[in-house]
Amino acid sequence: MKDKKKPVCMLCGQPSAKSICDGCAQRVQGEQLGKKSKESKGKG
């Protein structure tokens, strides 16, 4: 008898069909864009 675990987001732990939910994915992408923007301004 196998127990199937409900899929959850790896970052926030909320139920999600994906390994990273849409909300967390957007937050991570926003953080990366912010870092990239700061780096490009510093090198210019």
C-alpha atoms as a PDB file:
ATOM      1  CA  MET A   1       0.000   0.000   0.000  1.00  0.00           C
ATOM      2  CA  LYS A   2       1.748   3.143  -1.251  1.00  0.00           C
ATOM      3  CA  ASP A   3       0.955   6.515   0.247  1.00  0.00           C
ATOM      4  CA  LYS A   4       0.859   9.163  -2.439  1.00  0.00           C
ATOM      5  CA  LYS A   5       2.041  12.534  -1.251  1.00  0.00           C
ATOM      6  CA  LYS A   6       0.113  15.560  -2.421  1.00  0.00           C
ATOM      7  CA  PRO A   7       2.246  17.730  -4.702  1.00  0.00           C
ATOM      8  CA  VAL A   8       3.394  20.922  -3.014  1.00  0.00           C
ATOM      9  CA  CYS A   9       5.572  23.896  -3.934  1.00  0.00           C
ATOM     10  CA  MET A  10       9.211  23.345  -2.939  1.00  0.00           C
ATOM     11  CA  LEU A  11       9.546  26.970  -1.793  1.00  0.00           C
ATOM     12  CA  CYS A  12       6.387  27.792   0.157  1.00  0.00           C
ATOM     13  CA  GLY A  13       4.887  24.342   0.793  1.00  0.00           C
ATOM     14  CA  GLN A  14       1.446  25.270  -0.503  1.00  0.00           C
ATOM     15  CA  PRO A  15      -0.453  22.701  -2.592  1.00  0.00           C
ATOM     16  CA  SER A  16       0.595  23.019  -6.237  1.00  0.00           C
ATOM     17  CA  ALA A  17       0.535  20.855  -9.334  1.00  0.00           C
ATOM     18  CA  LYS A  18       4.017  22.164 -10.179  1.00  0.00           C
ATOM     19  CA  SER A  19       7.231  21.789  -8.176  1.00  0.00           C
ATOM     20  CA  ILE A  20       7.310  25.593  -7.813  1.00  0.00           C
ATOM     21  CA  CYS A  21       3.963  27.401  -7.731  1.00  0.00           C
ATOM     22  CA  ASP A  22       3.263  30.360  -9.997  1.00  0.00           C
ATOM     23  CA  GLY A  23       3.483  32.896  -7.146  1.00  0.00           C
ATOM     24  CA  CYS A  24       6.921  31.713  -6.027  1.00  0.00           C
ATOM     25  CA  ALA A  25       8.156  31.494  -9.619  1.00  0.00           C
ATOM     26  CA  GLN A  26       7.164  35.123 -10.232  1.00  0.00           C
ATOM     27  CA  ARG A  27       8.814  36.253  -6.998  1.00  0.00           C
ATOM     28  CA  VAL A  28      12.078  34.479  -7.837  1.00  0.00           C
ATOM     29  CA  GLN A  29      12.089  35.899 -11.382  1.00  0.00           C
ATOM     30  CA  GLY A  30      11.533  39.400  -9.973  1.00  0.00           C
ATOM     31  CA  GLU A  31      14.445  39.002  -7.545  1.00  0.00           C
ATOM     32  CA  GLN A  32      16.741  37.893 -10.364  1.00  0.00           C
ATOM     33  CA  LEU A  33      15.707  40.812 -12.573  1.00  0.00           C
ATOM     34  CA  GLY A  34      16.429  43.195  -9.694  1.00  0.00           C
ATOM     35  CA  LYS A  35      19.915  41.735  -9.206  1.00  0.00           C
ATOM     36  CA  LYS A  36      20.653  41.910 -12.917  1.00  0.00           C
ATOM     37  CA  SER A  37      19.488  45.532 -13.075  1.00  0.00           C
ATOM     38  CA  LYS A  38      21.724  46.525 -10.133  1.00  0.00           C
ATOM     39  CA  GLU A  39      24.734  44.780 -11.685  1.00  0.00           C
ATOM     40  CA  SER A  40      24.266  46.462 -15.059  1.00  0.00           C
ATOM     41  CA  LYS A  41      23.933  49.909 -13.463  1.00  0.00           C
ATOM     42  CA  GLY A  42      27.093  49.379 -11.414  1.00  0.00           C
ATOM     43  CA  LYS A  43      29.188  48.361 -14.434  1.00  0.00           C
ATOM     44  CA  GLY A  44      27.974  51.176 -16.737  1.00  0.00           C
END
